[in-house]
C-alpha cells in the first residue's frame, strides 16, 4: 500500500464521519421548522420499514409548522405512530388527510439539553476521526515494515495524516459551535 492510497483512504473515512455528523445535526430542533427533523424517521407500513420522506410529502408552509401529507391515506396512522415514537419533542396533529407538527418554542432548559446532545454527538465524531487516524498510522507503519515506503516517506505520511485529522477536528468544532449558537438563539 503506498502513501497516497493510505492518505486518500483515511480522508474518505473522515469525510464519511463528517457527513454523518452533519446529518445528525440536521435532526436537532432549533425552534424553527425544517423537514430534516422528520425526513429520516422510519415508518412500519406495507410489511416493511420505510422513511417518512419516501411515503409522504413533507413541507414547511410556515416557520413553526411541518406538514406531512402521505401519498396513501391508509398509512397516515402508521406515520403518526412513528412520529410519536421518534421522540422529537413534537406532538403530531392528525386531521385524517395530513399530519401537522406545530413546532413549540424551546424552553431554556430544553435548549441546554439539546446543546449537550450536540456536544456529545460532536465528541463521538471526533473519536471516530481519531480512530481513523490511528488506523492510517498503523497502515503507514506496516507499509514501512514491508518496504512499500521509506522511513522519510512514513514520517511525511504521518504528518499528512495528523494535518488531515487536525483539519477535520477543526471542522467539527466549527459546526458544533454553529449548531449550538442556532439552538441557543431565542
N, C-alpha and C. Protein backbone atom coordinates (compact mmCIF):
# COMPACT_ATOMS: atom_id res chain seq x y z
N UNK A 1 0.86 -1.18 0.00
CA UNK A 1 0.00 0.00 0.00
C UNK A 1 0.90 1.24 0.00
N UNK A 2 0.65 2.16 -0.94
CA UNK A 2 1.50 3.35 -1.00
C UNK A 2 0.92 4.49 -0.17
N UNK A 3 1.70 5.55 -0.02
CA UNK A 3 1.35 6.67 0.87
C UNK A 3 0.07 7.37 0.44
N UNK A 4 -0.08 7.62 -0.86
CA UNK A 4 -1.26 8.36 -1.30
C UNK A 4 -2.54 7.54 -1.10
N UNK A 5 -2.46 6.23 -1.25
CA UNK A 5 -3.62 5.37 -1.02
C UNK A 5 -4.03 5.41 0.44
N UNK A 6 -3.05 5.35 1.32
CA UNK A 6 -3.34 5.39 2.76
C UNK A 6 -3.99 6.72 3.13
N UNK A 7 -3.43 7.82 2.63
CA UNK A 7 -3.95 9.15 2.94
C UNK A 7 -5.36 9.34 2.35
N UNK A 8 -5.55 8.90 1.11
CA UNK A 8 -6.87 9.04 0.47
C UNK A 8 -7.92 8.22 1.21
N UNK A 9 -7.56 7.01 1.61
CA UNK A 9 -8.48 6.15 2.34
C UNK A 9 -8.87 6.78 3.67
N UNK A 10 -7.88 7.32 4.35
CA UNK A 10 -8.11 7.97 5.64
C UNK A 10 -9.04 9.18 5.47
N UNK A 11 -8.77 9.99 4.44
CA UNK A 11 -9.61 11.17 4.22
C UNK A 11 -11.04 10.79 3.87
N UNK A 12 -11.20 9.73 3.11
CA UNK A 12 -12.53 9.26 2.73
C UNK A 12 -13.34 8.86 3.97
N UNK A 13 -12.68 8.15 4.89
CA UNK A 13 -13.36 7.72 6.12
C UNK A 13 -13.70 8.91 7.01
N UNK A 14 -12.79 9.87 7.10
CA UNK A 14 -13.05 11.06 7.91
C UNK A 14 -14.18 11.89 7.31
N UNK A 15 -14.22 11.96 5.99
CA UNK A 15 -15.28 12.69 5.31
C UNK A 15 -16.64 12.04 5.57
N UNK A 16 -16.67 10.72 5.59
CA UNK A 16 -17.91 9.99 5.87
C UNK A 16 -18.37 10.28 7.30
N UNK A 17 -17.44 10.37 8.23
CA UNK A 17 -17.78 10.70 9.62
C UNK A 17 -18.38 12.10 9.69
N UNK A 18 -17.81 13.05 8.94
CA UNK A 18 -18.33 14.42 8.93
C UNK A 18 -19.74 14.47 8.34
N UNK A 19 -19.96 13.72 7.28
CA UNK A 19 -21.29 13.69 6.67
C UNK A 19 -22.32 13.12 7.63
N UNK A 20 -21.95 12.10 8.38
CA UNK A 20 -22.84 11.52 9.38
C UNK A 20 -23.15 12.54 10.47
N UNK A 21 -22.15 13.33 10.85
CA UNK A 21 -22.35 14.36 11.87
C UNK A 21 -23.31 15.44 11.34
N UNK A 22 -23.11 15.86 10.10
CA UNK A 22 -24.00 16.87 9.52
C UNK A 22 -25.44 16.38 9.48
N UNK A 23 -25.61 15.11 9.14
CA UNK A 23 -26.95 14.52 9.11
C UNK A 23 -27.55 14.48 10.51
N UNK A 24 -26.74 14.14 11.50
CA UNK A 24 -27.22 14.09 12.88
C UNK A 24 -27.60 15.49 13.36
N UNK A 25 -26.77 16.48 13.02
CA UNK A 25 -27.05 17.86 13.42
C UNK A 25 -28.34 18.38 12.77
N UNK A 26 -28.63 17.94 11.56
CA UNK A 26 -29.84 18.39 10.88
C UNK A 26 -31.09 17.94 11.63
N UNK A 27 -30.98 16.84 12.36
CA UNK A 27 -32.12 16.31 13.11
C UNK A 27 -32.35 16.98 14.44
N UNK A 28 -31.46 17.88 14.87
CA UNK A 28 -31.66 18.59 16.13
C UNK A 28 -32.55 19.80 15.91
N UNK A 29 -33.56 19.91 16.74
CA UNK A 29 -34.50 21.02 16.63
C UNK A 29 -33.88 22.32 17.08
N UNK A 30 -34.10 23.37 16.32
CA UNK A 30 -33.56 24.68 16.70
C UNK A 30 -34.65 25.68 17.01
N UNK A 31 -35.92 25.25 16.98
CA UNK A 31 -37.01 26.16 17.26
C UNK A 31 -37.70 26.63 16.00
N UNK A 32 -37.15 26.29 14.85
CA UNK A 32 -37.83 26.62 13.60
C UNK A 32 -38.06 25.34 12.81
N UNK A 33 -39.09 25.35 11.98
CA UNK A 33 -39.48 24.16 11.24
C UNK A 33 -38.46 23.84 10.15
N UNK A 34 -38.08 22.58 10.07
CA UNK A 34 -37.24 22.09 8.98
C UNK A 34 -37.62 20.65 8.70
N UNK A 35 -37.70 20.30 7.43
CA UNK A 35 -38.15 18.96 7.07
C UNK A 35 -37.17 17.89 7.52
N UNK A 36 -35.91 18.26 7.74
CA UNK A 36 -34.91 17.26 8.15
C UNK A 36 -35.22 16.66 9.53
N UNK A 37 -36.11 17.30 10.29
CA UNK A 37 -36.49 16.74 11.59
C UNK A 37 -37.23 15.41 11.43
N UNK A 38 -37.96 15.26 10.33
CA UNK A 38 -38.79 14.06 10.18
C UNK A 38 -38.44 13.22 8.96
N UNK A 39 -37.63 13.73 8.05
CA UNK A 39 -37.32 13.02 6.79
C UNK A 39 -36.88 11.58 7.00
N UNK A 40 -36.01 11.35 7.96
CA UNK A 40 -35.42 10.02 8.12
C UNK A 40 -36.05 9.16 9.21
N UNK A 41 -37.20 9.58 9.72
CA UNK A 41 -37.90 8.76 10.71
C UNK A 41 -38.46 7.53 10.01
N UNK A 42 -38.24 6.38 10.60
CA UNK A 42 -38.68 5.11 9.99
C UNK A 42 -40.14 4.82 10.34
N UNK A 43 -40.90 4.41 9.32
CA UNK A 43 -42.31 4.07 9.47
C UNK A 43 -42.50 2.62 9.06
N UNK A 44 -43.21 1.87 9.88
CA UNK A 44 -43.50 0.48 9.54
C UNK A 44 -44.87 0.43 8.86
N UNK A 45 -44.84 0.15 7.55
CA UNK A 45 -46.09 0.06 6.78
C UNK A 45 -45.88 -0.86 5.59
N UNK A 46 -46.95 -1.39 5.08
CA UNK A 46 -46.89 -2.31 3.94
C UNK A 46 -45.98 -3.51 4.22
N UNK A 47 -45.80 -3.86 5.47
CA UNK A 47 -44.98 -5.01 5.82
C UNK A 47 -43.48 -4.77 5.78
N UNK A 48 -43.07 -3.51 5.64
CA UNK A 48 -41.64 -3.20 5.66
C UNK A 48 -41.42 -1.86 6.36
N UNK A 49 -40.17 -1.49 6.51
CA UNK A 49 -39.83 -0.23 7.16
C UNK A 49 -39.31 0.73 6.10
N UNK A 50 -39.94 1.91 6.03
CA UNK A 50 -39.51 2.94 5.08
C UNK A 50 -39.42 4.27 5.80
N UNK A 51 -38.76 5.21 5.17
CA UNK A 51 -38.62 6.54 5.77
C UNK A 51 -39.82 7.40 5.40
N UNK A 52 -40.13 8.35 6.25
CA UNK A 52 -41.29 9.23 6.05
C UNK A 52 -41.22 9.90 4.68
N UNK A 53 -40.04 10.39 4.31
CA UNK A 53 -39.94 11.14 3.05
C UNK A 53 -40.18 10.27 1.82
N UNK A 54 -40.17 8.93 2.00
CA UNK A 54 -40.42 8.04 0.87
C UNK A 54 -41.89 7.70 0.69
N UNK A 55 -42.71 7.98 1.71
CA UNK A 55 -44.14 7.64 1.61
C UNK A 55 -45.05 8.86 1.78
N UNK A 56 -44.43 10.04 1.94
CA UNK A 56 -45.24 11.24 2.15
C UNK A 56 -44.47 12.48 1.70
N UNK A 57 -45.24 13.50 1.40
CA UNK A 57 -44.63 14.80 1.11
C UNK A 57 -44.46 15.55 2.42
N UNK A 58 -43.29 16.08 2.65
CA UNK A 58 -43.01 16.81 3.89
C UNK A 58 -42.69 18.26 3.52
N UNK A 59 -43.46 19.19 4.06
CA UNK A 59 -43.26 20.60 3.75
C UNK A 59 -43.28 21.45 5.02
N UNK A 60 -42.80 22.67 4.88
CA UNK A 60 -42.85 23.64 5.98
C UNK A 60 -43.54 24.90 5.46
N UNK A 61 -44.88 24.93 5.47
CA UNK A 61 -45.60 26.08 4.94
C UNK A 61 -45.47 27.34 5.80
N UNK A 62 -45.14 27.16 7.07
CA UNK A 62 -44.96 28.28 8.00
C UNK A 62 -43.67 28.05 8.78
N UNK A 63 -43.09 29.11 9.35
CA UNK A 63 -41.83 28.95 10.08
C UNK A 63 -41.90 28.01 11.29
N UNK A 64 -43.09 27.80 11.84
CA UNK A 64 -43.23 26.95 13.02
C UNK A 64 -44.17 25.76 12.78
N UNK A 65 -44.22 25.27 11.52
CA UNK A 65 -45.13 24.17 11.22
C UNK A 65 -44.53 23.26 10.15
N UNK A 66 -44.58 21.96 10.43
CA UNK A 66 -44.20 20.95 9.44
C UNK A 66 -45.48 20.20 9.08
N UNK A 67 -45.71 20.00 7.79
CA UNK A 67 -46.88 19.27 7.33
C UNK A 67 -46.42 18.01 6.61
N UNK A 68 -46.96 16.86 7.05
CA UNK A 68 -46.65 15.58 6.42
C UNK A 68 -47.92 15.11 5.74
N UNK A 69 -47.86 14.99 4.40
CA UNK A 69 -49.03 14.58 3.63
C UNK A 69 -48.72 13.25 2.94
N UNK A 70 -49.27 12.15 3.48
CA UNK A 70 -48.99 10.83 2.89
C UNK A 70 -49.62 10.71 1.50
N UNK A 71 -48.92 9.98 0.62
CA UNK A 71 -49.44 9.76 -0.72
C UNK A 71 -50.58 8.75 -0.69
N UNK A 72 -50.58 7.87 0.32
CA UNK A 72 -51.65 6.91 0.52
C UNK A 72 -52.25 7.18 1.89
N UNK A 73 -53.52 7.57 1.93
CA UNK A 73 -54.17 7.93 3.20
C UNK A 73 -54.22 6.76 4.19
N UNK A 74 -54.05 5.54 3.69
CA UNK A 74 -54.11 4.36 4.55
C UNK A 74 -52.94 4.24 5.52
N UNK A 75 -51.86 4.96 5.27
CA UNK A 75 -50.69 4.86 6.15
C UNK A 75 -50.57 6.03 7.13
N UNK A 76 -51.58 6.89 7.15
CA UNK A 76 -51.49 8.08 8.00
C UNK A 76 -51.35 7.71 9.48
N UNK A 77 -52.03 6.65 9.90
CA UNK A 77 -51.93 6.20 11.29
C UNK A 77 -50.53 5.66 11.61
N UNK A 78 -49.95 4.93 10.65
CA UNK A 78 -48.59 4.40 10.83
C UNK A 78 -47.58 5.54 10.94
N UNK A 79 -47.75 6.56 10.11
CA UNK A 79 -46.83 7.71 10.15
C UNK A 79 -46.96 8.44 11.48
N UNK A 80 -48.21 8.64 11.91
CA UNK A 80 -48.44 9.33 13.18
C UNK A 80 -47.78 8.57 14.34
N UNK A 81 -47.95 7.25 14.34
CA UNK A 81 -47.36 6.42 15.40
C UNK A 81 -45.83 6.53 15.38
N UNK A 82 -45.24 6.51 14.17
CA UNK A 82 -43.79 6.62 14.06
C UNK A 82 -43.30 7.98 14.53
N UNK A 83 -44.04 9.04 14.22
CA UNK A 83 -43.65 10.39 14.65
C UNK A 83 -43.72 10.52 16.17
N UNK A 84 -44.73 9.90 16.77
CA UNK A 84 -44.85 9.94 18.23
C UNK A 84 -43.72 9.17 18.91
N UNK A 85 -43.38 8.01 18.35
CA UNK A 85 -42.35 7.18 18.98
C UNK A 85 -40.94 7.65 18.66
N UNK A 86 -40.77 8.59 17.71
CA UNK A 86 -39.44 9.09 17.35
C UNK A 86 -38.85 9.99 18.42
N UNK A 87 -39.68 10.44 19.36
CA UNK A 87 -39.20 11.25 20.48
C UNK A 87 -38.48 12.52 20.01
N UNK A 88 -39.13 13.25 19.11
CA UNK A 88 -38.54 14.51 18.64
C UNK A 88 -39.08 15.71 19.42
N UNK A 89 -39.95 15.44 20.39
CA UNK A 89 -40.46 16.51 21.25
C UNK A 89 -41.59 17.30 20.63
N UNK A 90 -42.26 16.74 19.62
CA UNK A 90 -43.37 17.41 18.96
C UNK A 90 -44.54 16.44 18.90
N UNK A 91 -45.73 16.92 19.26
CA UNK A 91 -46.91 16.07 19.21
C UNK A 91 -47.61 16.26 17.87
N UNK A 92 -47.75 15.17 17.09
CA UNK A 92 -48.41 15.29 15.79
C UNK A 92 -49.92 15.50 15.93
N UNK A 93 -50.49 16.29 15.01
CA UNK A 93 -51.93 16.53 14.97
C UNK A 93 -52.44 15.96 13.64
N UNK A 94 -53.26 14.92 13.73
CA UNK A 94 -53.75 14.20 12.55
C UNK A 94 -55.19 14.62 12.26
N UNK A 95 -55.46 15.14 11.05
CA UNK A 95 -56.84 15.51 10.69
C UNK A 95 -57.45 14.53 9.69
N UNK A 96 -56.79 13.38 9.46
CA UNK A 96 -57.30 12.38 8.54
C UNK A 96 -56.73 12.50 7.13
N UNK A 97 -56.24 13.67 6.76
CA UNK A 97 -55.65 13.87 5.44
C UNK A 97 -54.16 14.18 5.53
N UNK A 98 -53.80 15.02 6.50
CA UNK A 98 -52.40 15.41 6.71
C UNK A 98 -52.09 15.37 8.19
N UNK A 99 -50.80 15.32 8.48
CA UNK A 99 -50.35 15.39 9.87
C UNK A 99 -49.60 16.70 10.03
N UNK A 100 -50.02 17.48 11.00
CA UNK A 100 -49.36 18.75 11.26
C UNK A 100 -48.48 18.60 12.50
N UNK A 101 -47.29 19.15 12.42
CA UNK A 101 -46.37 19.13 13.56
C UNK A 101 -46.05 20.58 13.93
N UNK A 102 -46.81 21.14 14.89
CA UNK A 102 -46.53 22.51 15.31
C UNK A 102 -45.25 22.54 16.15
N UNK A 103 -44.32 23.38 15.77
CA UNK A 103 -43.04 23.47 16.47
C UNK A 103 -43.19 24.46 17.64
N UNK A 104 -43.14 23.96 18.87
CA UNK A 104 -43.28 24.88 20.01
C UNK A 104 -41.96 25.63 20.26
N UNK A 105 -42.06 26.72 20.96
CA UNK A 105 -40.87 27.45 21.39
C UNK A 105 -40.07 26.53 22.31
N UNK A 106 -38.77 26.58 22.20
CA UNK A 106 -37.92 25.77 23.08
C UNK A 106 -37.69 26.52 24.39
N UNK A 107 -37.85 25.79 25.49
CA UNK A 107 -37.54 26.39 26.79
C UNK A 107 -36.02 26.46 26.95
N UNK A 108 -35.58 27.27 27.87
CA UNK A 108 -34.14 27.41 28.10
C UNK A 108 -33.53 26.07 28.51
N UNK A 109 -34.26 25.32 29.33
CA UNK A 109 -33.78 24.01 29.78
C UNK A 109 -33.65 23.05 28.60
N UNK A 110 -34.63 23.06 27.70
CA UNK A 110 -34.60 22.18 26.53
C UNK A 110 -33.45 22.58 25.59
N UNK A 111 -33.23 23.88 25.45
CA UNK A 111 -32.13 24.37 24.62
C UNK A 111 -30.78 23.87 25.16
N UNK A 112 -30.61 23.95 26.47
CA UNK A 112 -29.36 23.50 27.08
C UNK A 112 -29.20 21.99 26.90
N UNK A 113 -30.31 21.26 27.03
CA UNK A 113 -30.26 19.81 26.84
C UNK A 113 -29.87 19.46 25.40
N UNK A 114 -30.45 20.17 24.44
CA UNK A 114 -30.10 19.94 23.03
C UNK A 114 -28.63 20.30 22.77
N UNK A 115 -28.15 21.37 23.38
CA UNK A 115 -26.75 21.76 23.21
C UNK A 115 -25.82 20.68 23.75
N UNK A 116 -26.19 20.06 24.86
CA UNK A 116 -25.40 18.95 25.41
C UNK A 116 -25.39 17.76 24.45
N UNK A 117 -26.54 17.47 23.85
CA UNK A 117 -26.62 16.37 22.90
C UNK A 117 -25.75 16.65 21.67
N UNK A 118 -25.73 17.91 21.24
CA UNK A 118 -24.90 18.30 20.09
C UNK A 118 -23.43 18.09 20.44
N UNK A 119 -23.02 18.53 21.62
CA UNK A 119 -21.62 18.35 22.05
C UNK A 119 -21.26 16.87 22.13
N UNK A 120 -22.19 16.07 22.66
CA UNK A 120 -21.94 14.63 22.80
C UNK A 120 -21.74 13.99 21.43
N UNK A 121 -22.61 14.33 20.48
CA UNK A 121 -22.51 13.77 19.13
C UNK A 121 -21.22 14.23 18.45
N UNK A 122 -20.85 15.48 18.68
CA UNK A 122 -19.60 16.00 18.10
C UNK A 122 -18.40 15.26 18.68
N UNK A 123 -18.43 14.99 19.96
CA UNK A 123 -17.32 14.27 20.59
C UNK A 123 -17.21 12.85 20.05
N UNK A 124 -18.36 12.21 19.80
CA UNK A 124 -18.35 10.88 19.20
C UNK A 124 -17.72 10.92 17.81
N UNK A 125 -18.01 11.97 17.07
CA UNK A 125 -17.44 12.12 15.73
C UNK A 125 -15.93 12.34 15.82
N UNK A 126 -15.48 13.12 16.80
CA UNK A 126 -14.04 13.34 16.98
C UNK A 126 -13.33 12.03 17.29
N UNK A 127 -13.95 11.21 18.13
CA UNK A 127 -13.37 9.91 18.47
C UNK A 127 -13.27 9.05 17.20
N UNK A 128 -14.30 9.11 16.38
CA UNK A 128 -14.29 8.34 15.13
C UNK A 128 -13.16 8.81 14.21
N UNK A 129 -12.98 10.12 14.11
CA UNK A 129 -11.90 10.68 13.28
C UNK A 129 -10.54 10.24 13.82
N UNK A 130 -10.39 10.28 15.14
CA UNK A 130 -9.11 9.87 15.74
C UNK A 130 -8.86 8.38 15.53
N UNK A 131 -9.92 7.58 15.54
CA UNK A 131 -9.76 6.15 15.27
C UNK A 131 -9.28 5.92 13.83
N UNK A 132 -9.81 6.71 12.91
CA UNK A 132 -9.35 6.61 11.52
C UNK A 132 -7.89 7.03 11.40
N UNK A 133 -7.49 8.04 12.19
CA UNK A 133 -6.09 8.45 12.20
C UNK A 133 -5.21 7.31 12.70
N UNK A 134 -5.62 6.67 13.78
CA UNK A 134 -4.86 5.56 14.33
C UNK A 134 -4.70 4.44 13.31
N UNK A 135 -5.80 4.10 12.63
CA UNK A 135 -5.75 3.04 11.62
C UNK A 135 -4.81 3.42 10.48
N UNK A 136 -4.87 4.67 10.04
CA UNK A 136 -3.99 5.12 8.95
C UNK A 136 -2.53 5.13 9.40
N UNK A 137 -2.28 5.53 10.66
CA UNK A 137 -0.91 5.49 11.18
C UNK A 137 -0.39 4.06 11.21
N UNK A 138 -1.24 3.13 11.61
CA UNK A 138 -0.85 1.71 11.62
C UNK A 138 -0.54 1.22 10.20
N UNK A 139 -1.38 1.63 9.25
CA UNK A 139 -1.14 1.26 7.84
C UNK A 139 0.20 1.82 7.36
N UNK A 140 0.50 3.06 7.76
CA UNK A 140 1.77 3.69 7.35
C UNK A 140 2.96 2.92 7.93
N UNK A 141 2.86 2.54 9.19
CA UNK A 141 3.95 1.80 9.82
C UNK A 141 4.12 0.41 9.20
N UNK A 142 2.99 -0.21 8.86
CA UNK A 142 3.06 -1.52 8.19
C UNK A 142 3.67 -1.39 6.80
N UNK A 143 3.34 -0.32 6.10
CA UNK A 143 3.90 -0.09 4.77
C UNK A 143 5.41 0.11 4.86
N UNK A 144 5.86 0.75 5.92
CA UNK A 144 7.31 0.94 6.15
C UNK A 144 7.97 -0.41 6.40
N UNK A 145 7.31 -1.26 7.22
CA UNK A 145 7.87 -2.58 7.52
C UNK A 145 8.00 -3.45 6.28
N UNK A 146 7.01 -3.33 5.39
CA UNK A 146 7.04 -4.14 4.17
C UNK A 146 7.80 -3.45 3.04
N UNK A 147 8.47 -2.37 3.36
CA UNK A 147 9.30 -1.61 2.41
C UNK A 147 8.51 -1.01 1.25
N UNK A 148 7.21 -0.76 1.45
CA UNK A 148 6.42 -0.09 0.42
C UNK A 148 6.73 1.41 0.40
N UNK A 149 7.10 1.94 1.58
CA UNK A 149 7.51 3.34 1.65
C UNK A 149 8.79 3.44 2.47
N UNK A 150 9.51 4.54 2.29
CA UNK A 150 10.77 4.74 3.01
C UNK A 150 10.50 5.31 4.40
N UNK A 151 11.56 5.40 5.18
CA UNK A 151 11.45 5.99 6.53
C UNK A 151 10.96 7.44 6.44
N UNK A 152 11.58 8.21 5.54
CA UNK A 152 11.18 9.61 5.36
C UNK A 152 9.74 9.69 4.84
N UNK A 153 9.41 8.78 3.93
CA UNK A 153 8.05 8.74 3.40
C UNK A 153 7.03 8.47 4.49
N UNK A 154 7.39 7.58 5.42
CA UNK A 154 6.49 7.28 6.53
C UNK A 154 6.29 8.51 7.40
N UNK A 155 7.37 9.22 7.72
CA UNK A 155 7.24 10.42 8.56
C UNK A 155 6.41 11.49 7.87
N UNK A 156 6.62 11.67 6.56
CA UNK A 156 5.81 12.63 5.81
C UNK A 156 4.34 12.22 5.82
N UNK A 157 4.09 10.93 5.67
CA UNK A 157 2.72 10.41 5.67
C UNK A 157 2.07 10.61 7.04
N UNK A 158 2.81 10.33 8.09
CA UNK A 158 2.26 10.53 9.44
C UNK A 158 1.91 12.00 9.68
N UNK A 159 2.77 12.90 9.18
CA UNK A 159 2.47 14.34 9.30
C UNK A 159 1.23 14.70 8.51
N UNK A 160 1.09 14.14 7.32
CA UNK A 160 -0.10 14.40 6.49
C UNK A 160 -1.37 13.90 7.15
N UNK A 161 -1.28 12.73 7.76
CA UNK A 161 -2.44 12.16 8.46
C UNK A 161 -2.82 13.04 9.64
N UNK A 162 -1.82 13.53 10.38
CA UNK A 162 -2.10 14.40 11.52
C UNK A 162 -2.72 15.72 11.06
N UNK A 163 -2.22 16.27 9.96
CA UNK A 163 -2.77 17.53 9.43
C UNK A 163 -4.23 17.32 9.02
N UNK A 164 -4.51 16.19 8.38
CA UNK A 164 -5.87 15.85 7.99
C UNK A 164 -6.77 15.74 9.21
N UNK A 165 -6.28 15.08 10.24
CA UNK A 165 -7.03 14.93 11.48
C UNK A 165 -7.33 16.29 12.10
N UNK A 166 -6.31 17.15 12.17
CA UNK A 166 -6.50 18.49 12.75
C UNK A 166 -7.54 19.29 11.96
N UNK A 167 -7.51 19.17 10.62
CA UNK A 167 -8.48 19.87 9.78
C UNK A 167 -9.90 19.41 10.09
N UNK A 168 -10.10 18.10 10.18
CA UNK A 168 -11.44 17.58 10.43
C UNK A 168 -11.92 17.89 11.85
N UNK A 169 -11.03 17.84 12.82
CA UNK A 169 -11.40 18.19 14.19
C UNK A 169 -11.82 19.67 14.23
N UNK A 170 -11.10 20.52 13.50
CA UNK A 170 -11.45 21.94 13.42
C UNK A 170 -12.82 22.14 12.79
N UNK A 171 -13.10 21.38 11.73
CA UNK A 171 -14.42 21.48 11.08
C UNK A 171 -15.53 21.04 12.04
N UNK A 172 -15.27 19.98 12.79
CA UNK A 172 -16.26 19.50 13.77
C UNK A 172 -16.52 20.58 14.80
N UNK A 173 -15.44 21.20 15.32
CA UNK A 173 -15.60 22.27 16.30
C UNK A 173 -16.41 23.44 15.74
N UNK A 174 -16.11 23.82 14.49
CA UNK A 174 -16.83 24.93 13.86
C UNK A 174 -18.32 24.61 13.71
N UNK A 175 -18.62 23.42 13.22
CA UNK A 175 -20.02 23.04 13.04
C UNK A 175 -20.75 22.93 14.37
N UNK A 176 -20.05 22.43 15.38
CA UNK A 176 -20.66 22.31 16.70
C UNK A 176 -21.00 23.68 17.24
N UNK A 177 -20.09 24.61 17.13
CA UNK A 177 -20.32 25.98 17.61
C UNK A 177 -21.50 26.61 16.88
N UNK A 178 -21.56 26.44 15.56
CA UNK A 178 -22.65 27.00 14.77
C UNK A 178 -23.99 26.41 15.20
N UNK A 179 -24.03 25.09 15.39
CA UNK A 179 -25.28 24.43 15.78
C UNK A 179 -25.69 24.84 17.18
N UNK A 180 -24.74 24.94 18.11
CA UNK A 180 -25.06 25.38 19.47
C UNK A 180 -25.62 26.80 19.45
N UNK A 181 -25.01 27.68 18.66
CA UNK A 181 -25.50 29.06 18.55
C UNK A 181 -26.93 29.07 18.00
N UNK A 182 -27.19 28.22 17.00
CA UNK A 182 -28.52 28.09 16.42
C UNK A 182 -29.53 27.68 17.47
N UNK A 183 -29.16 26.69 18.26
CA UNK A 183 -30.08 26.16 19.28
C UNK A 183 -30.31 27.18 20.40
N UNK A 184 -29.28 27.87 20.82
CA UNK A 184 -29.40 28.79 21.95
C UNK A 184 -30.03 30.13 21.56
N UNK A 185 -30.11 30.40 20.25
CA UNK A 185 -30.73 31.64 19.79
C UNK A 185 -32.23 31.60 20.06
N UNK A 186 -32.73 32.62 20.73
CA UNK A 186 -34.17 32.67 21.07
C UNK A 186 -34.95 33.29 19.94
